[in-house]
């Protein structure tokens, strides 16, 4: 049985998915729940890590594919931040978008 490759971002991604799902599930019970700020903070932290990674790759003259990949991931997280900010909590928007994405 092949082992799953673990990313350095897995704990952060798991937190984002879990809290996004809880935010959506509890919308009727807790309209101003604590989950959305947690998701937003985790997304910001993920963006900051990816931004640092992107800058490091640029400074060290890494291969172009790695730089482009880091830039695309960074932009994807910015889109997730916008999606979270405009979310109406009907579905776990960020959690659904982040499924299957490799970081």
PDB file of N, CA and C in Angstrom:
ATOM      1  N   UNK A   1       0.847  -1.176   0.000  1.00  0.00           N
ATOM      2  CA  UNK A   1       0.000   0.000   0.000  1.00  0.00           C
ATOM      3  C   UNK A   1       0.893   1.239   0.000  1.00  0.00           C
ATOM      4  N   UNK A   2       0.755   2.129  -0.998  1.00  0.00           N
ATOM      5  CA  UNK A   2       1.613   3.303  -1.065  1.00  0.00           C
ATOM      6  C   UNK A   2       1.279   4.290   0.046  1.00  0.00           C
ATOM      7  N   UNK A   3       2.330   4.902   0.577  1.00  0.00           N
ATOM      8  CA  UNK A   3       2.110   5.882   1.641  1.00  0.00           C
ATOM      9  C   UNK A   3       1.782   7.237   1.025  1.00  0.00           C
ATOM     10  N   UNK A   4       0.955   7.977   1.720  1.00  0.00           N
ATOM     11  CA  UNK A   4       0.547   9.295   1.251  1.00  0.00           C
ATOM     12  C   UNK A   4       1.666  10.286   1.537  1.00  0.00           C
ATOM     13  N   UNK A   5       1.991  11.095   0.542  1.00  0.00           N
ATOM     14  CA  UNK A   5       3.009  12.112   0.734  1.00  0.00           C
ATOM     15  C   UNK A   5       2.414  13.251   1.563  1.00  0.00           C
ATOM     16  N   UNK A   6       3.123  13.630   2.603  1.00  0.00           N
ATOM     17  CA  UNK A   6       2.638  14.660   3.515  1.00  0.00           C
ATOM     18  C   UNK A   6       3.281  15.991   3.149  1.00  0.00           C
ATOM     19  N   UNK A   7       2.453  17.003   3.008  1.00  0.00           N
ATOM     20  CA  UNK A   7       2.921  18.341   2.695  1.00  0.00           C
ATOM     21  C   UNK A   7       3.106  19.121   3.990  1.00  0.00           C
ATOM     22  N   UNK A   8       3.972  20.106   3.949  1.00  0.00           N
ATOM     23  CA  UNK A   8       4.164  20.962   5.122  1.00  0.00           C
ATOM     24  C   UNK A   8       2.913  21.783   5.418  1.00  0.00           C
ATOM     25  N   UNK A   9       2.037  21.898   4.432  1.00  0.00           N
ATOM     26  CA  UNK A   9       0.822  22.692   4.584  1.00  0.00           C
ATOM     27  C   UNK A   9      -0.382  21.866   5.014  1.00  0.00           C
ATOM     28  N   UNK A  10      -0.238  20.548   5.133  1.00  0.00           N
ATOM     29  CA  UNK A  10      -1.375  19.677   5.455  1.00  0.00           C
ATOM     30  C   UNK A  10      -2.122  20.062   6.733  1.00  0.00           C
ATOM     31  N   UNK A  11      -1.436  20.344   7.844  1.00  0.00           N
ATOM     32  CA  UNK A  11      -2.194  20.736   9.051  1.00  0.00           C
ATOM     33  C   UNK A  11      -3.021  22.012   8.833  1.00  0.00           C
ATOM     34  N   UNK A  12      -2.449  22.954   8.113  1.00  0.00           N
ATOM     35  CA  UNK A  12      -3.149  24.205   7.830  1.00  0.00           C
ATOM     36  C   UNK A  12      -4.341  23.963   6.903  1.00  0.00           C
ATOM     37  N   UNK A  13      -4.147  23.142   5.876  1.00  0.00           N
ATOM     38  CA  UNK A  13      -5.229  22.822   4.946  1.00  0.00           C
ATOM     39  C   UNK A  13      -6.352  22.066   5.649  1.00  0.00           C
ATOM     40  N   UNK A  14      -5.987  21.146   6.523  1.00  0.00           N
ATOM     41  CA  UNK A  14      -7.000  20.398   7.276  1.00  0.00           C
ATOM     42  C   UNK A  14      -7.812  21.324   8.175  1.00  0.00           C
ATOM     43  N   UNK A  15      -7.139  22.282   8.801  1.00  0.00           N
ATOM     44  CA  UNK A  15      -7.828  23.252   9.648  1.00  0.00           C
ATOM     45  C   UNK A  15      -8.793  24.101   8.822  1.00  0.00           C
ATOM     46  N   UNK A  16      -8.352  24.516   7.648  1.00  0.00           N
ATOM     47  CA  UNK A  16      -9.199  25.334   6.775  1.00  0.00           C
ATOM     48  C   UNK A  16     -10.442  24.548   6.369  1.00  0.00           C
ATOM     49  N   UNK A  17     -10.246  23.314   5.909  1.00  0.00           N
ATOM     50  CA  UNK A  17     -11.382  22.492   5.465  1.00  0.00           C
ATOM     51  C   UNK A  17     -12.358  22.215   6.606  1.00  0.00           C
ATOM     52  N   UNK A  18     -11.821  21.840   7.766  1.00  0.00           N
ATOM     53  CA  UNK A  18     -12.672  21.502   8.912  1.00  0.00           C
ATOM     54  C   UNK A  18     -13.476  22.716   9.384  1.00  0.00           C
ATOM     55  N   UNK A  19     -12.807  23.847   9.561  1.00  0.00           N
ATOM     56  CA  UNK A  19     -13.499  25.035  10.069  1.00  0.00           C
ATOM     57  C   UNK A  19     -14.465  25.626   9.044  1.00  0.00           C
ATOM     58  N   UNK A  20     -14.148  25.492   7.764  1.00  0.00           N
ATOM     59  CA  UNK A  20     -15.069  25.959   6.729  1.00  0.00           C
ATOM     60  C   UNK A  20     -16.343  25.116   6.755  1.00  0.00           C
ATOM     61  N   UNK A  21     -16.188  23.819   6.884  1.00  0.00           N
ATOM     62  CA  UNK A  21     -17.354  22.918   6.950  1.00  0.00           C
ATOM     63  C   UNK A  21     -18.185  23.226   8.198  1.00  0.00           C
ATOM     64  N   UNK A  22     -17.527  23.475   9.326  1.00  0.00           N
ATOM     65  CA  UNK A  22     -18.242  23.796  10.565  1.00  0.00           C
ATOM     66  C   UNK A  22     -18.957  25.141  10.449  1.00  0.00           C
ATOM     67  N   UNK A  23     -18.319  26.102   9.799  1.00  0.00           N
ATOM     68  CA  UNK A  23     -18.923  27.423   9.603  1.00  0.00           C
ATOM     69  C   UNK A  23     -20.222  27.286   8.811  1.00  0.00           C
ATOM     70  N   UNK A  24     -20.183  26.477   7.772  1.00  0.00           N
ATOM     71  CA  UNK A  24     -21.372  26.244   6.951  1.00  0.00           C
ATOM     72  C   UNK A  24     -22.444  25.473   7.726  1.00  0.00           C
ATOM     73  N   UNK A  25     -22.023  24.477   8.475  1.00  0.00           N
ATOM     74  CA  UNK A  25     -22.974  23.635   9.210  1.00  0.00           C
ATOM     75  C   UNK A  25     -23.666  24.391  10.344  1.00  0.00           C
ATOM     76  N   UNK A  26     -22.950  25.295  10.985  1.00  0.00           N
ATOM     77  CA  UNK A  26     -23.495  26.000  12.144  1.00  0.00           C
ATOM     78  C   UNK A  26     -24.137  27.339  11.799  1.00  0.00           C
ATOM     79  N   UNK A  27     -24.317  27.650  10.520  1.00  0.00           N
ATOM     80  CA  UNK A  27     -24.811  28.979  10.138  1.00  0.00           C
ATOM     81  C   UNK A  27     -26.153  29.330  10.768  1.00  0.00           C
ATOM     82  N   UNK A  28     -27.019  28.336  10.953  1.00  0.00           N
ATOM     83  CA  UNK A  28     -28.339  28.600  11.539  1.00  0.00           C
ATOM     84  C   UNK A  28     -28.271  28.770  13.049  1.00  0.00           C
ATOM     85  N   UNK A  29     -27.333  28.076  13.668  1.00  0.00           N
ATOM     86  CA  UNK A  29     -27.227  28.099  15.126  1.00  0.00           C
ATOM     87  C   UNK A  29     -26.366  29.247  15.639  1.00  0.00           C
ATOM     88  N   UNK A  30     -25.296  29.525  14.902  1.00  0.00           N
ATOM     89  CA  UNK A  30     -24.357  30.565  15.317  1.00  0.00           C
ATOM     90  C   UNK A  30     -24.056  31.464  14.118  1.00  0.00           C
ATOM     91  N   UNK A  31     -24.915  32.441  13.839  1.00  0.00           N
ATOM     92  CA  UNK A  31     -24.681  33.287  12.666  1.00  0.00           C
ATOM     93  C   UNK A  31     -23.330  34.002  12.699  1.00  0.00           C
ATOM     94  N   UNK A  32     -22.851  34.315  13.879  1.00  0.00           N
ATOM     95  CA  UNK A  32     -21.546  34.972  14.005  1.00  0.00           C
ATOM     96  C   UNK A  32     -20.588  34.038  14.719  1.00  0.00           C
ATOM     97  N   UNK A  33     -20.437  32.856  14.174  1.00  0.00           N
ATOM     98  CA  UNK A  33     -19.581  31.844  14.785  1.00  0.00           C
ATOM     99  C   UNK A  33     -18.116  32.210  14.716  1.00  0.00           C
ATOM    100  N   UNK A  34     -17.325  31.446  15.432  1.00  0.00           N
ATOM    101  CA  UNK A  34     -15.885  31.708  15.507  1.00  0.00           C
ATOM    102  C   UNK A  34     -15.111  31.035  14.379  1.00  0.00           C
ATOM    103  N   UNK A  35     -15.776  30.205  13.576  1.00  0.00           N
ATOM    104  CA  UNK A  35     -15.074  29.430  12.563  1.00  0.00           C
ATOM    105  C   UNK A  35     -14.584  30.281  11.396  1.00  0.00           C
ATOM    106  N   UNK A  36     -15.394  31.234  10.938  1.00  0.00           N
ATOM    107  CA  UNK A  36     -15.002  32.038   9.774  1.00  0.00           C
ATOM    108  C   UNK A  36     -13.716  32.821  10.028  1.00  0.00           C
ATOM    109  N   UNK A  37     -13.558  33.488  11.181  1.00  0.00           N
ATOM    110  CA  UNK A  37     -12.282  34.164  11.434  1.00  0.00           C
ATOM    111  C   UNK A  37     -11.091  33.196  11.474  1.00  0.00           C
ATOM    112  N   UNK A  38     -11.333  31.966  11.935  1.00  0.00           N
ATOM    113  CA  UNK A  38     -10.258  30.971  11.959  1.00  0.00           C
ATOM    114  C   UNK A  38      -9.869  30.604  10.533  1.00  0.00           C
ATOM    115  N   UNK A  39     -10.863  30.395   9.673  1.00  0.00           N
ATOM    116  CA  UNK A  39     -10.586  30.074   8.266  1.00  0.00           C
ATOM    117  C   UNK A  39      -9.836  31.228   7.610  1.00  0.00           C
ATOM    118  N   UNK A  40     -10.287  32.452   7.847  1.00  0.00           N
ATOM    119  CA  UNK A  40      -9.638  33.614   7.245  1.00  0.00           C
ATOM    120  C   UNK A  40      -8.193  33.755   7.717  1.00  0.00           C
ATOM    121  N   UNK A  41      -7.947  33.546   9.006  1.00  0.00           N
ATOM    122  CA  UNK A  41      -6.580  33.634   9.532  1.00  0.00           C
ATOM    123  C   UNK A  41      -5.703  32.522   8.966  1.00  0.00           C
ATOM    124  N   UNK A  42      -6.255  31.330   8.842  1.00  0.00           N
ATOM    125  CA  UNK A  42      -5.490  30.207   8.291  1.00  0.00           C
ATOM    126  C   UNK A  42      -5.167  30.432   6.823  1.00  0.00           C
ATOM    127  N   UNK A  43      -6.113  30.979   6.078  1.00  0.00           N
ATOM    128  CA  UNK A  43      -5.855  31.293   4.670  1.00  0.00           C
ATOM    129  C   UNK A  43      -4.773  32.356   4.540  1.00  0.00           C
ATOM    130  N   UNK A  44      -4.811  33.353   5.406  1.00  0.00           N
ATOM    131  CA  UNK A  44      -3.785  34.408   5.385  1.00  0.00           C
ATOM    132  C   UNK A  44      -2.414  33.818   5.714  1.00  0.00           C
ATOM    133  N   UNK A  45      -2.378  32.913   6.695  1.00  0.00           N
ATOM    134  CA  UNK A  45      -1.123  32.256   7.054  1.00  0.00           C
ATOM    135  C   UNK A  45      -0.601  31.410   5.892  1.00  0.00           C
ATOM    136  N   UNK A  46      -1.486  30.685   5.230  1.00  0.00           N
ATOM    137  CA  UNK A  46      -1.102  29.882   4.067  1.00  0.00           C
ATOM    138  C   UNK A  46      -0.564  30.782   2.965  1.00  0.00           C
ATOM    139  N   UNK A  47      -1.230  31.906   2.729  1.00  0.00           N
ATOM    140  CA  UNK A  47      -0.762  32.851   1.713  1.00  0.00           C
ATOM    141  C   UNK A  47       0.632  33.367   2.061  1.00  0.00           C
ATOM    142  N   UNK A  48       0.845  33.717   3.321  1.00  0.00           N
ATOM    143  CA  UNK A  48       2.156  34.230   3.729  1.00  0.00           C
ATOM    144  C   UNK A  48       3.255  33.193   3.517  1.00  0.00           C
ATOM    145  N   UNK A  49       2.974  31.922   3.840  1.00  0.00           N
ATOM    146  CA  UNK A  49       3.957  30.859   3.607  1.00  0.00           C
ATOM    147  C   UNK A  49       4.267  30.723   2.122  1.00  0.00           C
ATOM    148  N   UNK A  50       3.232  30.742   1.303  1.00  0.00           N
ATOM    149  CA  UNK A  50       3.436  30.607  -0.140  1.00  0.00           C
ATOM    150  C   UNK A  50       4.153  31.820  -0.715  1.00  0.00           C
ATOM    151  N   UNK A  51       3.885  32.994  -0.171  1.00  0.00           N
ATOM    152  CA  UNK A  51       4.564  34.208  -0.615  1.00  0.00           C
ATOM    153  C   UNK A  51       6.056  34.128  -0.293  1.00  0.00           C
ATOM    154  N   UNK A  52       6.382  33.658   0.923  1.00  0.00           N
ATOM    155  CA  UNK A  52       7.790  33.487   1.297  1.00  0.00           C
ATOM    156  C   UNK A  52       8.465  32.454   0.407  1.00  0.00           C
ATOM    157  N   UNK A  53       7.766  31.361   0.122  1.00  0.00           N
ATOM    158  CA  UNK A  53       8.307  30.316  -0.746  1.00  0.00           C
ATOM    159  C   UNK A  53       8.559  30.874  -2.151  1.00  0.00           C
ATOM    160  N   UNK A  54       7.620  31.635  -2.660  1.00  0.00           N
ATOM    161  CA  UNK A  54       7.745  32.248  -3.985  1.00  0.00           C
ATOM    162  C   UNK A  54       8.956  33.180  -4.035  1.00  0.00           C
ATOM    163  N   UNK A  55       9.092  34.036  -3.034  1.00  0.00           N
ATOM    164  CA  UNK A  55      10.234  34.956  -3.002  1.00  0.00           C
ATOM    165  C   UNK A  55      11.554  34.215  -2.880  1.00  0.00           C
ATOM    166  N   UNK A  56      11.589  33.159  -2.077  1.00  0.00           N
ATOM    167  CA  UNK A  56      12.803  32.355  -1.938  1.00  0.00           C
ATOM    168  C   UNK A  56      13.183  31.727  -3.278  1.00  0.00           C
ATOM    169  N   UNK A  57      12.209  31.175  -3.974  1.00  0.00           N
ATOM    170  CA  UNK A  57      12.484  30.551  -5.272  1.00  0.00           C
ATOM    171  C   UNK A  57      13.004  31.573  -6.277  1.00  0.00           C
ATOM    172  N   UNK A  58      12.460  32.782  -6.249  1.00  0.00           N
ATOM    173  CA  UNK A  58      12.934  33.825  -7.165  1.00  0.00           C
ATOM    174  C   UNK A  58      14.362  34.237  -6.838  1.00  0.00           C
ATOM    175  N   UNK A  59      14.668  34.369  -5.551  1.00  0.00           N
ATOM    176  CA  UNK A  59      16.002  34.820  -5.141  1.00  0.00           C
ATOM    177  C   UNK A  59      17.081  33.788  -5.420  1.00  0.00           C
ATOM    178  N   UNK A  60      16.713  32.513  -5.360  1.00  0.00           N
ATOM    179  CA  UNK A  60      17.705  31.454  -5.535  1.00  0.00           C
ATOM    180  C   UNK A  60      17.788  30.968  -6.978  1.00  0.00           C
ATOM    181  N   UNK A  61      17.180  31.694  -7.899  1.00  0.00           N
ATOM    182  CA  UNK A  61      17.208  31.322  -9.321  1.00  0.00           C
ATOM    183  C   UNK A  61      16.793  29.878  -9.540  1.00  0.00           C
ATOM    184  N   UNK A  62      15.698  29.502  -8.946  1.00  0.00           N
ATOM    185  CA  UNK A  62      15.144  28.155  -9.112  1.00  0.00           C
ATOM    186  C   UNK A  62      14.586  28.000 -10.526  1.00  0.00           C
ATOM    187  N   UNK A  63      14.328  26.765 -10.936  1.00  0.00           N
ATOM    188  CA  UNK A  63      13.748  26.547 -12.269  1.00  0.00           C
ATOM    189  C   UNK A  63      12.421  27.288 -12.431  1.00  0.00           C
ATOM    190  N   UNK A  64      12.167  27.729 -13.636  1.00  0.00           N
ATOM    191  CA  UNK A  64      10.968  28.514 -13.932  1.00  0.00           C
ATOM    192  C   UNK A  64       9.673  27.820 -13.577  1.00  0.00           C
ATOM    193  N   UNK A  65       9.629  26.482 -13.752  1.00  0.00           N
ATOM    194  CA  UNK A  65       8.399  25.752 -13.449  1.00  0.00           C
ATOM    195  C   UNK A  65       8.040  25.865 -11.975  1.00  0.00           C
ATOM    196  N   UNK A  66       9.051  25.822 -11.105  1.00  0.00           N
ATOM    197  CA  UNK A  66       8.797  25.928  -9.663  1.00  0.00           C
ATOM    198  C   UNK A  66       8.280  27.315  -9.302  1.00  0.00           C
ATOM    199  N   UNK A  67       8.848  28.337  -9.916  1.00  0.00           N
ATOM    200  CA  UNK A  67       8.427  29.710  -9.640  1.00  0.00           C
ATOM    201  C   UNK A  67       6.992  29.924 -10.115  1.00  0.00           C
ATOM    202  N   UNK A  68       6.685  29.437 -11.313  1.00  0.00           N
ATOM    203  CA  UNK A  68       5.328  29.573 -11.855  1.00  0.00           C
ATOM    204  C   UNK A  68       4.331  28.815 -10.982  1.00  0.00           C
ATOM    205  N   UNK A  69       4.701  27.617 -10.545  1.00  0.00           N
ATOM    206  CA  UNK A  69       3.823  26.820  -9.683  1.00  0.00           C
ATOM    207  C   UNK A  69       3.548  27.545  -8.368  1.00  0.00           C
ATOM    208  N   UNK A  70       4.588  28.102  -7.763  1.00  0.00           N
ATOM    209  CA  UNK A  70       4.420  28.833  -6.504  1.00  0.00           C
ATOM    210  C   UNK A  70       3.539  30.065  -6.706  1.00  0.00           C
ATOM    211  N   UNK A  71       3.710  30.739  -7.826  1.00  0.00           N
ATOM    212  CA  UNK A  71       2.902  31.917  -8.123  1.00  0.00           C
ATOM    213  C   UNK A  71       1.432  31.545  -8.322  1.00  0.00           C
ATOM    214  N   UNK A  72       1.181  30.424  -9.014  1.00  0.00           N
ATOM    215  CA  UNK A  72      -0.197  29.975  -9.230  1.00  0.00           C
ATOM    216  C   UNK A  72      -0.865  29.579  -7.917  1.00  0.00           C
ATOM    217  N   UNK A  73      -0.124  28.922  -7.036  1.00  0.00           N
ATOM    218  CA  UNK A  73      -0.668  28.546  -5.727  1.00  0.00           C
ATOM    219  C   UNK A  73      -1.016  29.788  -4.917  1.00  0.00           C
ATOM    220  N   UNK A  74      -0.141  30.772  -4.991  1.00  0.00           N
ATOM    221  CA  UNK A  74      -0.354  32.024  -4.272  1.00  0.00           C
ATOM    222  C   UNK A  74      -1.629  32.711  -4.762  1.00  0.00           C
ATOM    223  N   UNK A  75      -1.798  32.777  -6.072  1.00  0.00           N
ATOM    224  CA  UNK A  75      -3.004  33.391  -6.641  1.00  0.00           C
ATOM    225  C   UNK A  75      -4.257  32.592  -6.291  1.00  0.00           C
ATOM    226  N   UNK A  76      -4.135  31.273  -6.266  1.00  0.00           N
ATOM    227  CA  UNK A  76      -5.265  30.418  -5.900  1.00  0.00           C
ATOM    228  C   UNK A  76      -5.718  30.717  -4.471  1.00  0.00           C
ATOM    229  N   UNK A  77      -4.760  30.899  -3.566  1.00  0.00           N
ATOM    230  CA  UNK A  77      -5.105  31.202  -2.174  1.00  0.00           C
ATOM    231  C   UNK A  77      -5.750  32.582  -2.073  1.00  0.00           C
ATOM    232  N   UNK A  78      -5.294  33.537  -2.877  1.00  0.00           N
ATOM    233  CA  UNK A  78      -5.951  34.849  -2.890  1.00  0.00           C
ATOM    234  C   UNK A  78      -7.410  34.714  -3.330  1.00  0.00           C
ATOM    235  N   UNK A  79      -7.660  33.857  -4.309  1.00  0.00           N
ATOM    236  CA  UNK A  79      -9.041  33.601  -4.735  1.00  0.00           C
ATOM    237  C   UNK A  79      -9.849  32.955  -3.610  1.00  0.00           C
ATOM    238  N   UNK A  80      -9.211  32.062  -2.856  1.00  0.00           N
ATOM    239  CA  UNK A  80      -9.888  31.429  -1.717  1.00  0.00           C
ATOM    240  C   UNK A  80     -10.233  32.456  -0.642  1.00  0.00           C
ATOM    241  N   UNK A  81      -9.333  33.394  -0.406  1.00  0.00           N
ATOM    242  CA  UNK A  81      -9.588  34.449   0.585  1.00  0.00           C
ATOM    243  C   UNK A  81     -10.805  35.271   0.164  1.00  0.00           C
ATOM    244  N   UNK A  82     -10.861  35.638  -1.121  1.00  0.00           N
ATOM    245  CA  UNK A  82     -12.021  36.381  -1.627  1.00  0.00           C
ATOM    246  C   UNK A  82     -13.301  35.562  -1.507  1.00  0.00           C
ATOM    247  N   UNK A  83     -13.206  34.264  -1.819  1.00  0.00           N
ATOM    248  CA  UNK A  83     -14.385  33.389  -1.723  1.00  0.00           C
ATOM    249  C   UNK A  83     -14.874  33.303  -0.284  1.00  0.00           C
ATOM    250  N   UNK A  84     -13.957  33.229   0.661  1.00  0.00           N
ATOM    251  CA  UNK A  84     -14.333  33.153   2.073  1.00  0.00           C
ATOM    252  C   UNK A  84     -14.979  34.466   2.524  1.00  0.00           C
ATOM    253  N   UNK A  85     -14.401  35.578   2.108  1.00  0.00           N
ATOM    254  CA  UNK A  85     -14.945  36.875   2.513  1.00  0.00           C
ATOM    255  C   UNK A  85     -16.357  37.102   1.991  1.00  0.00           C
ATOM    256  N   UNK A  86     -16.657  36.578   0.807  1.00  0.00           N
ATOM    257  CA  UNK A  86     -17.982  36.795   0.219  1.00  0.00           C
ATOM    258  C   UNK A  86     -18.921  35.602   0.408  1.00  0.00           C
ATOM    259  N   UNK A  87     -18.528  34.637   1.220  1.00  0.00           N
ATOM    260  CA  UNK A  87     -19.307  33.411   1.408  1.00  0.00           C
ATOM    261  C   UNK A  87     -20.599  33.689   2.171  1.00  0.00           C
ATOM    262  N   UNK A  88     -21.689  33.057   1.713  1.00  0.00           N
ATOM    263  CA  UNK A  88     -22.971  33.191   2.405  1.00  0.00           C
ATOM    264  C   UNK A  88     -23.252  31.991   3.312  1.00  0.00           C
ATOM    265  N   UNK A  89     -22.293  31.105   3.452  1.00  0.00           N
ATOM    266  CA  UNK A  89     -22.330  29.945   4.350  1.00  0.00           C
ATOM    267  C   UNK A  89     -23.335  28.871   3.941  1.00  0.00           C
ATOM    268  N   UNK A  90     -23.867  28.928   2.717  1.00  0.00           N
ATOM    269  CA  UNK A  90     -24.779  27.871   2.272  1.00  0.00           C
ATOM    270  C   UNK A  90     -24.042  26.553   2.071  1.00  0.00           C
ATOM    271  N   UNK A  91     -22.844  26.635   1.539  1.00  0.00           N
ATOM    272  CA  UNK A  91     -21.984  25.455   1.377  1.00  0.00           C
ATOM    273  C   UNK A  91     -20.596  25.828   1.871  1.00  0.00           C
ATOM    274  N   UNK A  92     -19.787  24.816   2.129  1.00  0.00           N
ATOM    275  CA  UNK A  92     -18.416  25.081   2.558  1.00  0.00           C
ATOM    276  C   UNK A  92     -17.579  25.400   1.314  1.00  0.00           C
ATOM    277  N   UNK A  93     -17.705  26.635   0.857  1.00  0.00           N
ATOM    278  CA  UNK A  93     -17.124  27.084  -0.404  1.00  0.00           C
ATOM    279  C   UNK A  93     -15.628  26.825  -0.483  1.00  0.00           C
ATOM    280  N   UNK A  94     -14.886  27.296   0.483  1.00  0.00           N
ATOM    281  CA  UNK A  94     -13.429  27.141   0.467  1.00  0.00           C
ATOM    282  C   UNK A  94     -13.055  25.673   0.603  1.00  0.00           C
ATOM    283  N   UNK A  95     -13.741  24.967   1.471  1.00  0.00           N
ATOM    284  CA  UNK A  95     -13.461  23.544   1.655  1.00  0.00           C
ATOM    285  C   UNK A  95     -13.646  22.752   0.375  1.00  0.00           C
ATOM    286  N   UNK A  96     -14.680  23.092  -0.400  1.00  0.00           N
ATOM    287  CA  UNK A  96     -14.928  22.403  -1.666  1.00  0.00           C
ATOM    288  C   UNK A  96     -13.875  22.761  -2.713  1.00  0.00           C
ATOM    289  N   UNK A  97     -13.465  24.033  -2.754  1.00  0.00           N
ATOM    290  CA  UNK A  97     -12.476  24.463  -3.745  1.00  0.00           C
ATOM    291  C   UNK A  97     -11.094  23.899  -3.456  1.00  0.00           C
ATOM    292  N   UNK A  98     -10.802  23.668  -2.191  1.00  0.00           N
ATOM    293  CA  UNK A  98      -9.463  23.235  -1.802  1.00  0.00           C
ATOM    294  C   UNK A  98      -9.280  21.717  -1.923  1.00  0.00           C
ATOM    295  N   UNK A  99     -10.402  20.986  -2.048  1.00  0.00           N
ATOM    296  CA  UNK A  99     -10.331  19.521  -2.165  1.00  0.00           C
ATOM    297  C   UNK A  99      -9.531  19.121  -3.395  1.00  0.00           C
ATOM    298  N   UNK A 100      -8.640  18.200  -3.217  1.00  0.00           N
ATOM    299  CA  UNK A 100      -7.891  17.651  -4.335  1.00  0.00           C
ATOM    300  C   UNK A 100      -6.743  18.504  -4.829  1.00  0.00           C
ATOM    301  N   UNK A 101      -6.557  19.693  -4.260  1.00  0.00           N
ATOM    302  CA  UNK A 101      -5.457  20.559  -4.672  1.00  0.00           C
ATOM    303  C   UNK A 101      -4.207  20.161  -3.905  1.00  0.00           C
ATOM    304  N   UNK A 102      -3.105  20.029  -4.596  1.00  0.00           N
ATOM    305  CA  UNK A 102      -1.833  19.652  -3.966  1.00  0.00           C
ATOM    306  C   UNK A 102      -0.999  20.906  -3.737  1.00  0.00           C
ATOM    307  N   UNK A 103      -0.515  21.046  -2.518  1.00  0.00           N
ATOM    308  CA  UNK A 103       0.351  22.184  -2.193  1.00  0.00           C
ATOM    309  C   UNK A 103       1.749  21.720  -1.938  1.00  0.00           C
TER     310      UNK A 103
END
